[in-house]
C-alpha atoms as a PDB file:
ATOM      1  CA  UNK A   1     -13.226 -15.188  -5.022  1.00  0.00           C
ATOM      2  CA  UNK A   2     -10.996 -17.577  -7.789  1.00  0.00           C
ATOM      3  CA  UNK A   3      -7.857 -16.886  -8.865  1.00  0.00           C
ATOM      4  CA  UNK A   4      -6.112 -18.925 -11.457  1.00  0.00           C
ATOM      5  CA  UNK A   5      -2.553 -18.639 -11.816  1.00  0.00           C
ATOM      6  CA  UNK A   6      -0.856 -20.122 -15.035  1.00  0.00           C
ATOM      7  CA  UNK A   7       2.682 -21.322 -14.968  1.00  0.00           C
ATOM      8  CA  UNK A   8       5.449 -23.681 -16.014  1.00  0.00           C
ATOM      9  CA  UNK A   9       7.798 -24.684 -13.489  1.00  0.00           C
ATOM     10  CA  UNK A  10      11.418 -25.179 -14.833  1.00  0.00           C
ATOM     11  CA  UNK A  11      14.218 -27.189 -13.549  1.00  0.00           C
ATOM     12  CA  UNK A  12      17.566 -28.146 -15.384  1.00  0.00           C
ATOM     13  CA  UNK A  13      20.009 -30.702 -14.281  1.00  0.00           C
ATOM     14  CA  UNK A  14      22.162 -29.822 -11.535  1.00  0.00           C
ATOM     15  CA  UNK A  15      24.419 -26.854 -12.256  1.00  0.00           C
ATOM     16  CA  UNK A  16      27.148 -24.849 -10.514  1.00  0.00           C
ATOM     17  CA  UNK A  17      25.777 -22.399  -8.089  1.00  0.00           C
ATOM     18  CA  UNK A  18      26.703 -18.674  -7.521  1.00  0.00           C
ATOM     19  CA  UNK A  19      27.854 -19.603  -3.782  1.00  0.00           C
ATOM     20  CA  UNK A  20      27.936 -23.026  -1.536  1.00  0.00           C
ATOM     21  CA  UNK A  21      26.697 -24.051   1.725  1.00  0.00           C
ATOM     22  CA  UNK A  22      27.894 -26.972   3.560  1.00  0.00           C
ATOM     23  CA  UNK A  23      27.202 -29.268   6.534  1.00  0.00           C
ATOM     24  CA  UNK A  24      29.999 -30.610   8.407  1.00  0.00           C
ATOM     25  CA  UNK A  25      27.828 -34.043   9.248  1.00  0.00           C
ATOM     26  CA  UNK A  26      24.237 -34.810   9.074  1.00  0.00           C
ATOM     27  CA  UNK A  27      22.828 -33.173  12.294  1.00  0.00           C
ATOM     28  CA  UNK A  28      21.638 -35.000  15.381  1.00  0.00           C
ATOM     29  CA  UNK A  29      18.190 -34.375  16.701  1.00  0.00           C
ATOM     30  CA  UNK A  30      18.070 -31.601  19.092  1.00  0.00           C
ATOM     31  CA  UNK A  31      22.023 -30.691  19.249  1.00  0.00           C
ATOM     32  CA  UNK A  32      23.120 -27.578  17.535  1.00  0.00           C
ATOM     33  CA  UNK A  33      25.158 -27.635  14.715  1.00  0.00           C
ATOM     34  CA  UNK A  34      27.413 -25.291  12.302  1.00  0.00           C
ATOM     35  CA  UNK A  35      25.860 -24.457   9.006  1.00  0.00           C
ATOM     36  CA  UNK A  36      28.890 -22.660   6.863  1.00  0.00           C
ATOM     37  CA  UNK A  37      28.523 -20.848   3.587  1.00  0.00           C
ATOM     38  CA  UNK A  38      30.742 -18.755   1.278  1.00  0.00           C
ATOM     39  CA  UNK A  39      30.095 -16.261  -1.595  1.00  0.00           C
ATOM     40  CA  UNK A  40      26.676 -14.924  -2.419  1.00  0.00           C
ATOM     41  CA  UNK A  41      25.217 -11.746  -1.274  1.00  0.00           C
ATOM     42  CA  UNK A  42      23.675 -11.171   2.318  1.00  0.00           C
ATOM     43  CA  UNK A  43      20.997 -11.610   3.713  1.00  0.00           C
ATOM     44  CA  UNK A  44      21.103 -15.426   3.328  1.00  0.00           C
ATOM     45  CA  UNK A  45      18.229 -17.983   3.814  1.00  0.00           C
ATOM     46  CA  UNK A  46      18.364 -21.307   4.488  1.00  0.00           C
ATOM     47  CA  UNK A  47      15.069 -23.428   3.958  1.00  0.00           C
ATOM     48  CA  UNK A  48      15.155 -26.682   6.007  1.00  0.00           C
ATOM     49  CA  UNK A  49      12.479 -29.126   4.663  1.00  0.00           C
ATOM     50  CA  UNK A  50      11.886 -32.679   6.606  1.00  0.00           C
ATOM     51  CA  UNK A  51       9.717 -34.845   4.196  1.00  0.00           C
ATOM     52  CA  UNK A  52       6.628 -36.510   5.521  1.00  0.00           C
ATOM     53  CA  UNK A  53       7.485 -39.816   3.350  1.00  0.00           C
ATOM     54  CA  UNK A  54       9.780 -41.087   0.811  1.00  0.00           C
ATOM     55  CA  UNK A  55       6.769 -43.238  -0.303  1.00  0.00           C
ATOM     56  CA  UNK A  56       5.383 -42.224  -3.586  1.00  0.00           C
ATOM     57  CA  UNK A  57       2.624 -44.387  -3.705  1.00  0.00           C
ATOM     58  CA  UNK A  58       0.772 -43.073  -0.351  1.00  0.00           C
ATOM     59  CA  UNK A  59      -2.207 -41.097  -1.345  1.00  0.00           C
ATOM     60  CA  UNK A  60      -2.032 -37.297  -0.397  1.00  0.00           C
ATOM     61  CA  UNK A  61      -3.749 -37.630   3.012  1.00  0.00           C
ATOM     62  CA  UNK A  62      -1.417 -40.380   4.233  1.00  0.00           C
ATOM     63  CA  UNK A  63       1.694 -38.420   3.620  1.00  0.00           C
ATOM     64  CA  UNK A  64       2.012 -37.345   7.315  1.00  0.00           C
ATOM     65  CA  UNK A  65       3.269 -34.092   8.378  1.00  0.00           C
ATOM     66  CA  UNK A  66       6.143 -32.570   6.684  1.00  0.00           C
ATOM     67  CA  UNK A  67       7.701 -29.466   8.694  1.00  0.00           C
ATOM     68  CA  UNK A  68       9.712 -26.508   7.280  1.00  0.00           C
ATOM     69  CA  UNK A  69      11.998 -24.140   9.145  1.00  0.00           C
ATOM     70  CA  UNK A  70      13.315 -21.271   7.558  1.00  0.00           C
ATOM     71  CA  UNK A  71      16.490 -19.494   9.102  1.00  0.00           C
ATOM     72  CA  UNK A  72      17.883 -16.278   8.181  1.00  0.00           C
ATOM     73  CA  UNK A  73      21.645 -15.371   8.424  1.00  0.00           C
ATOM     74  CA  UNK A  74      24.035 -12.599   7.569  1.00  0.00           C
ATOM     75  CA  UNK A  75      27.447 -14.161   8.301  1.00  0.00           C
ATOM     76  CA  UNK A  76      28.946 -17.636   8.576  1.00  0.00           C
ATOM     77  CA  UNK A  77      28.987 -19.890  10.273  1.00  0.00           C
ATOM     78  CA  UNK A  78      25.340 -20.227  11.675  1.00  0.00           C
ATOM     79  CA  UNK A  79      24.234 -22.218  14.398  1.00  0.00           C
ATOM     80  CA  UNK A  80      21.153 -24.544  13.920  1.00  0.00           C
ATOM     81  CA  UNK A  81      19.477 -26.831  16.147  1.00  0.00           C
ATOM     82  CA  UNK A  82      16.637 -29.062  14.380  1.00  0.00           C
ATOM     83  CA  UNK A  83      13.592 -30.585  16.351  1.00  0.00           C
ATOM     84  CA  UNK A  84      13.281 -33.781  14.261  1.00  0.00           C
ATOM     85  CA  UNK A  85      13.982 -37.008  15.263  1.00  0.00           C
ATOM     86  CA  UNK A  86      16.728 -39.628  14.244  1.00  0.00           C
ATOM     87  CA  UNK A  87      16.256 -40.719  10.722  1.00  0.00           C
ATOM     88  CA  UNK A  88      13.877 -38.174   9.594  1.00  0.00           C
ATOM     89  CA  UNK A  89      14.803 -37.255   5.898  1.00  0.00           C
ATOM     90  CA  UNK A  90      15.418 -33.701   5.145  1.00  0.00           C
ATOM     91  CA  UNK A  91      17.023 -31.490   2.532  1.00  0.00           C
ATOM     92  CA  UNK A  92      18.261 -27.831   2.860  1.00  0.00           C
ATOM     93  CA  UNK A  93      17.722 -24.779   0.352  1.00  0.00           C
ATOM     94  CA  UNK A  94      20.287 -22.297   0.215  1.00  0.00           C
ATOM     95  CA  UNK A  95      18.941 -18.760  -0.953  1.00  0.00           C
ATOM     96  CA  UNK A  96      20.485 -15.073  -1.129  1.00  0.00           C
ATOM     97  CA  UNK A  97      19.787 -11.446  -1.751  1.00  0.00           C
ATOM     98  CA  UNK A  98      20.202 -12.432  -5.525  1.00  0.00           C
ATOM     99  CA  UNK A  99      17.082 -15.127  -5.468  1.00  0.00           C
ATOM    100  CA  UNK A 100      15.719 -18.598  -4.530  1.00  0.00           C
ATOM    101  CA  UNK A 101      17.982 -21.324  -4.334  1.00  0.00           C
ATOM    102  CA  UNK A 102      21.082 -19.666  -5.622  1.00  0.00           C
ATOM    103  CA  UNK A 103      23.347 -21.819  -3.221  1.00  0.00           C
ATOM    104  CA  UNK A 104      22.046 -25.086  -4.316  1.00  0.00           C
ATOM    105  CA  UNK A 105      19.813 -27.887  -2.815  1.00  0.00           C
ATOM    106  CA  UNK A 106      21.493 -30.611  -0.893  1.00  0.00           C
ATOM    107  CA  UNK A 107      20.771 -34.336  -1.424  1.00  0.00           C
ATOM    108  CA  UNK A 108      18.179 -36.044   0.957  1.00  0.00           C
ATOM    109  CA  UNK A 109      19.954 -36.471   4.594  1.00  0.00           C
ATOM    110  CA  UNK A 110      18.813 -38.307   7.448  1.00  0.00           C
ATOM    111  CA  UNK A 111      18.750 -36.902  11.026  1.00  0.00           C
ATOM    112  CA  UNK A 112      21.382 -38.914  13.331  1.00  0.00           C
ATOM    113  CA  UNK A 113      20.542 -40.085  16.620  1.00  0.00           C
ATOM    114  CA  UNK A 114      21.345 -37.612  19.316  1.00  0.00           C
ATOM    115  CA  UNK A 115      23.953 -38.161  22.249  1.00  0.00           C
ATOM    116  CA  UNK A 116      21.770 -36.602  24.824  1.00  0.00           C
ATOM    117  CA  UNK A 117      20.666 -38.184  27.626  1.00  0.00           C
ATOM    118  CA  UNK A 118      17.079 -39.655  27.711  1.00  0.00           C
ATOM    119  CA  UNK A 119      16.590 -37.964  31.027  1.00  0.00           C
ATOM    120  CA  UNK A 120      18.495 -34.699  30.542  1.00  0.00           C
ATOM    121  CA  UNK A 121      15.281 -32.630  29.647  1.00  0.00           C
ATOM    122  CA  UNK A 122      16.743 -31.431  26.704  1.00  0.00           C
ATOM    123  CA  UNK A 123      14.857 -32.780  23.897  1.00  0.00           C
ATOM    124  CA  UNK A 124      13.189 -30.498  21.386  1.00  0.00           C
ATOM    125  CA  UNK A 125      11.252 -33.024  19.488  1.00  0.00           C
ATOM    126  CA  UNK A 126       8.096 -31.714  18.237  1.00  0.00           C
ATOM    127  CA  UNK A 127       4.691 -33.289  17.365  1.00  0.00           C
ATOM    128  CA  UNK A 128       4.319 -34.706  14.075  1.00  0.00           C
ATOM    129  CA  UNK A 129       0.752 -35.778  14.084  1.00  0.00           C
ATOM    130  CA  UNK A 130      -0.550 -32.461  12.186  1.00  0.00           C
ATOM    131  CA  UNK A 131      -2.218 -33.021   9.095  1.00  0.00           C
ATOM    132  CA  UNK A 132      -4.238 -29.882   8.517  1.00  0.00           C
ATOM    133  CA  UNK A 133      -2.318 -29.776   5.194  1.00  0.00           C
ATOM    134  CA  UNK A 134      -5.401 -31.907   3.718  1.00  0.00           C
ATOM    135  CA  UNK A 135      -8.039 -29.086   4.266  1.00  0.00           C
ATOM    136  CA  UNK A 136      -5.966 -26.642   1.728  1.00  0.00           C
ATOM    137  CA  UNK A 137      -5.329 -29.196  -1.115  1.00  0.00           C
ATOM    138  CA  UNK A 138      -8.415 -29.658  -3.042  1.00  0.00           C
ATOM    139  CA  UNK A 139      -6.541 -31.430  -5.793  1.00  0.00           C
ATOM    140  CA  UNK A 140      -3.118 -32.238  -6.876  1.00  0.00           C
ATOM    141  CA  UNK A 141      -1.412 -34.024  -9.649  1.00  0.00           C
ATOM    142  CA  UNK A 142       0.673 -36.789  -7.862  1.00  0.00           C
ATOM    143  CA  UNK A 143       0.386 -39.805 -10.384  1.00  0.00           C
ATOM    144  CA  UNK A 144       2.726 -40.484 -13.043  1.00  0.00           C
ATOM    145  CA  UNK A 145       5.536 -37.652 -12.473  1.00  0.00           C
ATOM    146  CA  UNK A 146       6.448 -38.050 -16.317  1.00  0.00           C
ATOM    147  CA  UNK A 147       8.398 -35.580 -17.834  1.00  0.00           C
ATOM    148  CA  UNK A 148       6.484 -32.792 -19.834  1.00  0.00           C
ATOM    149  CA  UNK A 149       3.256 -34.012 -18.210  1.00  0.00           C
ATOM    150  CA  UNK A 150       0.520 -31.578 -17.702  1.00  0.00           C
ATOM    151  CA  UNK A 151      -0.030 -30.942 -13.946  1.00  0.00           C
ATOM    152  CA  UNK A 152      -1.896 -28.933 -11.751  1.00  0.00           C
ATOM    153  CA  UNK A 153      -2.977 -28.189  -8.014  1.00  0.00           C
ATOM    154  CA  UNK A 154      -5.858 -26.362  -6.692  1.00  0.00           C
ATOM    155  CA  UNK A 155      -5.445 -24.737  -3.213  1.00  0.00           C
ATOM    156  CA  UNK A 156      -8.368 -23.652  -1.083  1.00  0.00           C
ATOM    157  CA  UNK A 157      -8.618 -21.396   2.115  1.00  0.00           C
ATOM    158  CA  UNK A 158      -5.469 -19.773   1.341  1.00  0.00           C
ATOM    159  CA  UNK A 159      -3.867 -16.116   1.613  1.00  0.00           C
ATOM    160  CA  UNK A 160      -2.364 -14.635  -1.512  1.00  0.00           C
ATOM    161  CA  UNK A 161       0.243 -14.861  -2.625  1.00  0.00           C
ATOM    162  CA  UNK A 162       0.669 -18.574  -3.103  1.00  0.00           C
ATOM    163  CA  UNK A 163       3.809 -20.182  -4.016  1.00  0.00           C
ATOM    164  CA  UNK A 164       5.032 -23.405  -5.482  1.00  0.00           C
ATOM    165  CA  UNK A 165       8.584 -24.577  -4.786  1.00  0.00           C
ATOM    166  CA  UNK A 166       9.959 -27.419  -6.850  1.00  0.00           C
ATOM    167  CA  UNK A 167      12.683 -29.030  -4.880  1.00  0.00           C
ATOM    168  CA  UNK A 168      14.886 -31.468  -6.449  1.00  0.00           C
ATOM    169  CA  UNK A 169      17.392 -32.904  -4.124  1.00  0.00           C
ATOM    170  CA  UNK A 170      21.244 -32.210  -5.262  1.00  0.00           C
ATOM    171  CA  UNK A 171      19.738 -30.603  -7.887  1.00  0.00           C
ATOM    172  CA  UNK A 172      18.422 -26.957  -9.244  1.00  0.00           C
ATOM    173  CA  UNK A 173      15.250 -26.060  -7.058  1.00  0.00           C
ATOM    174  CA  UNK A 174      12.917 -23.492  -8.172  1.00  0.00           C
ATOM    175  CA  UNK A 175      10.053 -21.352  -6.699  1.00  0.00           C
ATOM    176  CA  UNK A 176       6.962 -19.625  -8.258  1.00  0.00           C
ATOM    177  CA  UNK A 177       4.369 -17.499  -6.957  1.00  0.00           C
ATOM    178  CA  UNK A 178       0.865 -16.491  -7.810  1.00  0.00           C
ATOM    179  CA  UNK A 179      -0.183 -13.030  -8.433  1.00  0.00           C
ATOM    180  CA  UNK A 180      -1.419 -11.208  -5.372  1.00  0.00           C
ATOM    181  CA  UNK A 181      -5.154 -11.055  -5.278  1.00  0.00           C
ATOM    182  CA  UNK A 182      -7.217  -9.596  -2.533  1.00  0.00           C
ATOM    183  CA  UNK A 183      -9.213 -11.661  -0.753  1.00  0.00           C
ATOM    184  CA  UNK A 184      -8.402 -14.883  -2.712  1.00  0.00           C
ATOM    185  CA  UNK A 185      -9.459 -18.018  -1.234  1.00  0.00           C
ATOM    186  CA  UNK A 186      -8.830 -20.741  -4.049  1.00  0.00           C
ATOM    187  CA  UNK A 187      -5.409 -20.502  -6.325  1.00  0.00           C
ATOM    188  CA  UNK A 188      -5.248 -23.131  -9.021  1.00  0.00           C
ATOM    189  CA  UNK A 189      -1.785 -23.653 -10.435  1.00  0.00           C
ATOM    190  CA  UNK A 190      -0.873 -25.637 -13.943  1.00  0.00           C
ATOM    191  CA  UNK A 191       2.276 -26.183 -15.276  1.00  0.00           C
ATOM    192  CA  UNK A 192       4.258 -28.619 -17.235  1.00  0.00           C
ATOM    193  CA  UNK A 193       6.513 -30.978 -15.287  1.00  0.00           C
ATOM    194  CA  UNK A 194      10.113 -30.025 -16.825  1.00  0.00           C
ATOM    195  CA  UNK A 195      12.107 -32.083 -14.375  1.00  0.00           C
ATOM    196  CA  UNK A 196      14.321 -34.423 -16.734  1.00  0.00           C
ATOM    197  CA  UNK A 197      13.611 -38.192 -16.126  1.00  0.00           C
ATOM    198  CA  UNK A 198      15.548 -39.862 -13.475  1.00  0.00           C
ATOM    199  CA  UNK A 199      15.632 -37.125 -10.868  1.00  0.00           C
ATOM    200  CA  UNK A 200      13.880 -37.052  -7.465  1.00  0.00           C
ATOM    201  CA  UNK A 201      11.606 -34.180  -6.619  1.00  0.00           C
ATOM    202  CA  UNK A 202       8.938 -32.804  -4.196  1.00  0.00           C
ATOM    203  CA  UNK A 203       6.461 -30.063  -3.587  1.00  0.00           C
ATOM    204  CA  UNK A 204       7.061 -27.330  -0.840  1.00  0.00           C
ATOM    205  CA  UNK A 205       3.989 -25.025  -0.782  1.00  0.00           C
ATOM    206  CA  UNK A 206       3.458 -21.797   1.179  1.00  0.00           C
ATOM    207  CA  UNK A 207       0.688 -18.675   1.212  1.00  0.00           C
ATOM    208  CA  UNK A 208       0.472 -15.584   2.831  1.00  0.00           C
ATOM    209  CA  UNK A 209       0.332 -17.038   6.070  1.00  0.00           C
ATOM    210  CA  UNK A 210       3.437 -19.379   6.001  1.00  0.00           C
ATOM    211  CA  UNK A 211       4.147 -23.104   4.945  1.00  0.00           C
ATOM    212  CA  UNK A 212       1.351 -24.923   4.059  1.00  0.00           C
ATOM    213  CA  UNK A 213       2.966 -28.394   3.230  1.00  0.00           C
ATOM    214  CA  UNK A 214       5.781 -30.459   2.127  1.00  0.00           C
ATOM    215  CA  UNK A 215       5.053 -33.527  -0.022  1.00  0.00           C
ATOM    216  CA  UNK A 216       6.433 -36.827  -0.342  1.00  0.00           C
ATOM    217  CA  UNK A 217       9.154 -37.640  -2.595  1.00  0.00           C
ATOM    218  CA  UNK A 218       8.641 -38.486  -6.003  1.00  0.00           C
ATOM    219  CA  UNK A 219      10.583 -39.920  -9.057  1.00  0.00           C
ATOM    220  CA  UNK A 220      10.391 -38.612 -12.317  1.00  0.00           C
ATOM    221  CA  UNK A 221      10.282 -40.857 -15.279  1.00  0.00           C
ATOM    222  CA  UNK A 222      10.696 -40.728 -19.032  1.00  0.00           C
ATOM    223  CA  UNK A 223       7.607 -39.283 -20.776  1.00  0.00           C
ATOM    224  CA  UNK A 224       6.100 -39.285 -24.409  1.00  0.00           C
ATOM    225  CA  UNK A 225       7.862 -36.258 -24.974  1.00  0.00           C
ATOM    226  CA  UNK A 226      11.386 -34.490 -24.022  1.00  0.00           C
ATOM    227  CA  UNK A 227      10.150 -31.249 -25.534  1.00  0.00           C
ATOM    228  CA  UNK A 228       7.748 -29.503 -22.975  1.00  0.00           C
ATOM    229  CA  UNK A 229       5.154 -27.256 -24.711  1.00  0.00           C
ATOM    230  CA  UNK A 230       4.126 -23.948 -23.321  1.00  0.00           C
ATOM    231  CA  UNK A 231       0.423 -23.448 -22.159  1.00  0.00           C
ATOM    232  CA  UNK A 232      -1.584 -20.629 -23.780  1.00  0.00           C
ATOM    233  CA  UNK A 233      -1.865 -17.530 -22.020  1.00  0.00           C
ATOM    234  CA  UNK A 234      -5.277 -16.140 -22.040  1.00  0.00           C
ATOM    235  CA  UNK A 235      -6.821 -13.016 -19.890  1.00  0.00           C
ATOM    236  CA  UNK A 236      -4.762 -11.839 -16.822  1.00  0.00           C
ATOM    237  CA  UNK A 237      -2.833 -14.909 -16.406  1.00  0.00           C
ATOM    238  CA  UNK A 238       1.000 -14.915 -15.697  1.00  0.00           C
ATOM    239  CA  UNK A 239       2.909 -16.169 -18.692  1.00  0.00           C
ATOM    240  CA  UNK A 240       3.855 -19.727 -19.200  1.00  0.00           C
ATOM    241  CA  UNK A 241       7.667 -20.345 -19.581  1.00  0.00           C
ATOM    242  CA  UNK A 242       9.776 -23.051 -20.524  1.00  0.00           C
ATOM    243  CA  UNK A 243      13.329 -23.784 -19.877  1.00  0.00           C
ATOM    244  CA  UNK A 244      15.368 -23.053 -16.672  1.00  0.00           C
ATOM    245  CA  UNK A 245      14.811 -19.441 -15.678  1.00  0.00           C
ATOM    246  CA  UNK A 246      16.274 -19.135 -12.089  1.00  0.00           C
ATOM    247  CA  UNK A 247      16.982 -15.061 -12.222  1.00  0.00           C
ATOM    248  CA  UNK A 248      14.014 -14.285 -14.360  1.00  0.00           C
ATOM    249  CA  UNK A 249      11.529 -15.756 -11.973  1.00  0.00           C
ATOM    250  CA  UNK A 250      13.545 -16.360  -8.450  1.00  0.00           C
ATOM    251  CA  UNK A 251      11.985 -14.265  -5.542  1.00  0.00           C
ATOM    252  CA  UNK A 252      14.785 -12.377  -3.916  1.00  0.00           C
ATOM    253  CA  UNK A 253      15.125 -12.671  -0.021  1.00  0.00           C
ATOM    254  CA  UNK A 254      14.230  -9.339   1.403  1.00  0.00           C
ATOM    255  CA  UNK A 255      16.952  -7.341   3.085  1.00  0.00           C
ATOM    256  CA  UNK A 256      14.676  -6.610   6.128  1.00  0.00           C
ATOM    257  CA  UNK A 257      14.890 -10.214   7.627  1.00  0.00           C
ATOM    258  CA  UNK A 258      16.894 -10.274  10.856  1.00  0.00           C
ATOM    259  CA  UNK A 259      19.422 -13.227  11.602  1.00  0.00           C
ATOM    260  CA  UNK A 260      17.581 -16.182  12.885  1.00  0.00           C
ATOM    261  CA  UNK A 261      14.111 -14.590  12.265  1.00  0.00           C
ATOM    262  CA  UNK A 262      11.343 -15.118   9.690  1.00  0.00           C
ATOM    263  CA  UNK A 263      10.383 -13.426   6.395  1.00  0.00           C
ATOM    264  CA  UNK A 264       8.059 -10.507   7.143  1.00  0.00           C
ATOM    265  CA  UNK A 265       9.690  -7.608   5.179  1.00  0.00           C
ATOM    266  CA  UNK A 266       8.267  -6.039   1.895  1.00  0.00           C
ATOM    267  CA  UNK A 267      10.003  -6.633  -1.259  1.00  0.00           C
ATOM    268  CA  UNK A 268      12.626  -4.149  -1.973  1.00  0.00           C
ATOM    269  CA  UNK A 269      11.723  -3.348  -5.381  1.00  0.00           C
ATOM    270  CA  UNK A 270       8.087  -2.578  -4.280  1.00  0.00           C
ATOM    271  CA  UNK A 271       9.540  -0.021  -2.064  1.00  0.00           C
ATOM    272  CA  UNK A 272      11.839   1.629  -4.628  1.00  0.00           C
ATOM    273  CA  UNK A 273       8.775   1.673  -7.221  1.00  0.00           C
ATOM    274  CA  UNK A 274       6.749   3.122  -4.602  1.00  0.00           C
ATOM    275  CA  UNK A 275       9.268   5.660  -3.405  1.00  0.00           C
ATOM    276  CA  UNK A 276       9.952   6.881  -7.209  1.00  0.00           C
ATOM    277  CA  UNK A 277       6.208   6.968  -8.141  1.00  0.00           C
ATOM    278  CA  UNK A 278       5.604   9.153  -5.132  1.00  0.00           C
ATOM    279  CA  UNK A 279       8.314  11.454  -6.035  1.00  0.00           C
ATOM    280  CA  UNK A 280       6.781  11.585  -9.653  1.00  0.00           C
ATOM    281  CA  UNK A 281       3.302  12.369  -8.420  1.00  0.00           C
ATOM    282  CA  UNK A 282       4.504  15.310  -6.205  1.00  0.00           C
ATOM    283  CA  UNK A 283       6.748  16.585  -8.867  1.00  0.00           C
ATOM    284  CA  UNK A 284       3.535  16.782 -10.995  1.00  0.00           C
ATOM    285  CA  UNK A 285       1.207  18.271  -8.311  1.00  0.00           C
ATOM    286  CA  UNK A 286       4.038  20.910  -7.397  1.00  0.00           C
ATOM    287  CA  UNK A 287       4.233  21.653 -11.253  1.00  0.00           C
ATOM    288  CA  UNK A 288       0.523  22.162 -11.421  1.00  0.00           C
ATOM    289  CA  UNK A 289       0.209  24.288  -8.559  1.00  0.00           C
ATOM    290  CA  UNK A 290       3.228  26.624  -9.982  1.00  0.00           C
ATOM    291  CA  UNK A 291       1.298  26.519 -13.223  1.00  0.00           C
ATOM    292  CA  UNK A 292      -2.010  27.899 -11.399  1.00  0.00           C
ATOM    293  CA  UNK A 293      -0.236  30.523  -9.211  1.00  0.00           C
ATOM    294  CA  UNK A 294       1.474  31.851 -12.376  1.00  0.00           C
ATOM    295  CA  UNK A 295      -1.827  32.157 -14.326  1.00  0.00           C
ATOM    296  CA  UNK A 296      -3.512  33.698 -11.268  1.00  0.00           C
ATOM    297  CA  UNK A 297      -0.863  36.471 -10.725  1.00  0.00           C
ATOM    298  CA  UNK A 298      -0.996  37.231 -14.396  1.00  0.00           C
ATOM    299  CA  UNK A 299      -4.530  37.706 -14.169  1.00  0.00           C
ATOM    300  CA  UNK A 300      -4.375  39.666 -11.230  1.00  0.00           C
ATOM    301  CA  UNK A 301      -1.745  42.173 -12.556  1.00  0.00           C
ATOM    302  CA  UNK A 302      -3.835  42.614 -15.883  1.00  0.00           C
ATOM    303  CA  UNK A 303      -6.804  43.712 -13.750  1.00  0.00           C
ATOM    304  CA  UNK A 304      -4.702  46.151 -11.834  1.00  0.00           C
ATOM    305  CA  UNK A 305      -3.436  47.637 -15.027  1.00  0.00           C
ATOM    306  CA  UNK A 306      -6.872  47.905 -16.495  1.00  0.00           C
ATOM    307  CA  UNK A 307      -8.279  49.671 -13.574  1.00  0.00           C
ATOM    308  CA  UNK A 308      -5.520  52.205 -13.514  1.00  0.00           C
ATOM    309  CA  UNK A 309      -5.857  52.674 -17.218  1.00  0.00           C
ATOM    310  CA  UNK A 310      -2.155  51.635 -17.864  1.00  0.00           C
ATOM    311  CA  UNK A 311      -1.274  51.043 -21.512  1.00  0.00           C
ATOM    312  CA  UNK A 312      -0.403  47.517 -22.370  1.00  0.00           C
ATOM    313  CA  UNK A 313       2.886  47.562 -24.494  1.00  0.00           C
ATOM    314  CA  UNK A 314       3.484  45.077 -26.974  1.00  0.00           C
ATOM    315  CA  UNK A 315       5.246  44.410 -30.204  1.00  0.00           C
ATOM    316  CA  UNK A 316       3.023  46.958 -32.268  1.00  0.00           C
ATOM    317  CA  UNK A 317       3.693  49.727 -29.848  1.00  0.00           C
ATOM    318  CA  UNK A 318       1.082  51.026 -27.299  1.00  0.00           C
ATOM    319  CA  UNK A 319      -2.580  49.947 -27.090  1.00  0.00           C
ATOM    320  CA  UNK A 320      -5.111  50.759 -24.673  1.00  0.00           C
ATOM    321  CA  UNK A 321      -6.439  47.652 -22.775  1.00  0.00           C
ATOM    322  CA  UNK A 322      -9.831  46.209 -22.736  1.00  0.00           C
ATOM    323  CA  UNK A 323     -11.761  48.113 -19.908  1.00  0.00           C
ATOM    324  CA  UNK A 324     -14.782  45.876 -18.457  1.00  0.00           C
ATOM    325  CA  UNK A 325     -16.910  46.294 -15.467  1.00  0.00           C
ATOM    326  CA  UNK A 326     -19.401  49.215 -16.914  1.00  0.00           C
ATOM    327  CA  UNK A 327     -16.672  51.594 -17.972  1.00  0.00           C
ATOM    328  CA  UNK A 328     -17.813  53.731 -21.213  1.00  0.00           C
ATOM    329  CA  UNK A 329     -15.032  52.649 -23.577  1.00  0.00           C
ATOM    330  CA  UNK A 330     -15.689  55.712 -26.077  1.00  0.00           C
ATOM    331  CA  UNK A 331     -15.207  58.161 -23.309  1.00  0.00           C
ATOM    332  CA  UNK A 332     -12.156  56.559 -22.540  1.00  0.00           C
ATOM    333  CA  UNK A 333     -10.963  56.790 -26.142  1.00  0.00           C
ATOM    334  CA  UNK A 334     -12.102  60.530 -26.369  1.00  0.00           C
ATOM    335  CA  UNK A 335      -9.891  61.191 -23.144  1.00  0.00           C
ATOM    336  CA  UNK A 336      -6.880  59.428 -24.757  1.00  0.00           C
ATOM    337  CA  UNK A 337      -7.082  61.534 -27.839  1.00  0.00           C
ATOM    338  CA  UNK A 338      -7.246  64.821 -25.583  1.00  0.00           C
ATOM    339  CA  UNK A 339      -4.114  63.921 -23.923  1.00  0.00           C
ATOM    340  CA  UNK A 340      -2.364  63.354 -27.208  1.00  0.00           C
ATOM    341  CA  UNK A 341      -3.660  66.849 -28.361  1.00  0.00           C
END
């Protein structure tokens, strides 16, 4: 099944964020460090992204293995240990319950050498030879990287929804997701690159199963235009947008995440919507049942009155009910006349 998603990734110049995060110093391989943060709304999510390379000239299949670690916390400070070797480049994105990257994105930092003894058996370094990301990327625009350039990416053998994060070190990062399509295996993204020239950026792509890849670092250069057009919207595609829209399109962090765990909780809005919709449905069914019971009781009452020959009184005075079931209406009227006499 082919799911096509149309979007515009919009990132402006570095701006003041609603809350802040800080690292006392670049962390060392396999050594715990304290991540502090203030402001914002719990729960908090910290996305640690190790770049596979900073060489933009490398083709996609030679990037090497990037790495993503997502840490969820509720209180500051948080103790974190990164399994990356000395000199590995990485950034940290801070998110909270109000949206993605609301705490900002750090500049590119390099891991420091560890003070742990080589024979201490305390090494936590992970294998960096994995390159399975290649099988999921059918195509991705990586050449040029001009501001307002038309770009696209086709990802195969993926689980919906698929999200593309445009990560701008020391700037404003954003994340956009495809519509959820059942049994989707191929997703096509199209956008105009709205990152201002002279900025660095890279991609972080996830699907319903987790992180897919982290791209190498690119430099955005001046393009033919500084005014990015909107893409046409047709069919059931997501609307294209331009300009910085962090709150309109950011995905909130689920309140069901546990400290140090991974994201598995459902979206709060979906839960609330489902509950309200369910209550409305139940109320409608209850109203229909009450109406049917009222009609049924009224009909039964009329049948009893008719069977006993009771007059149905109305505004115009007493009238005889219509008697059905084979009763002689003329005889009934004669009997009624005799009663009056």
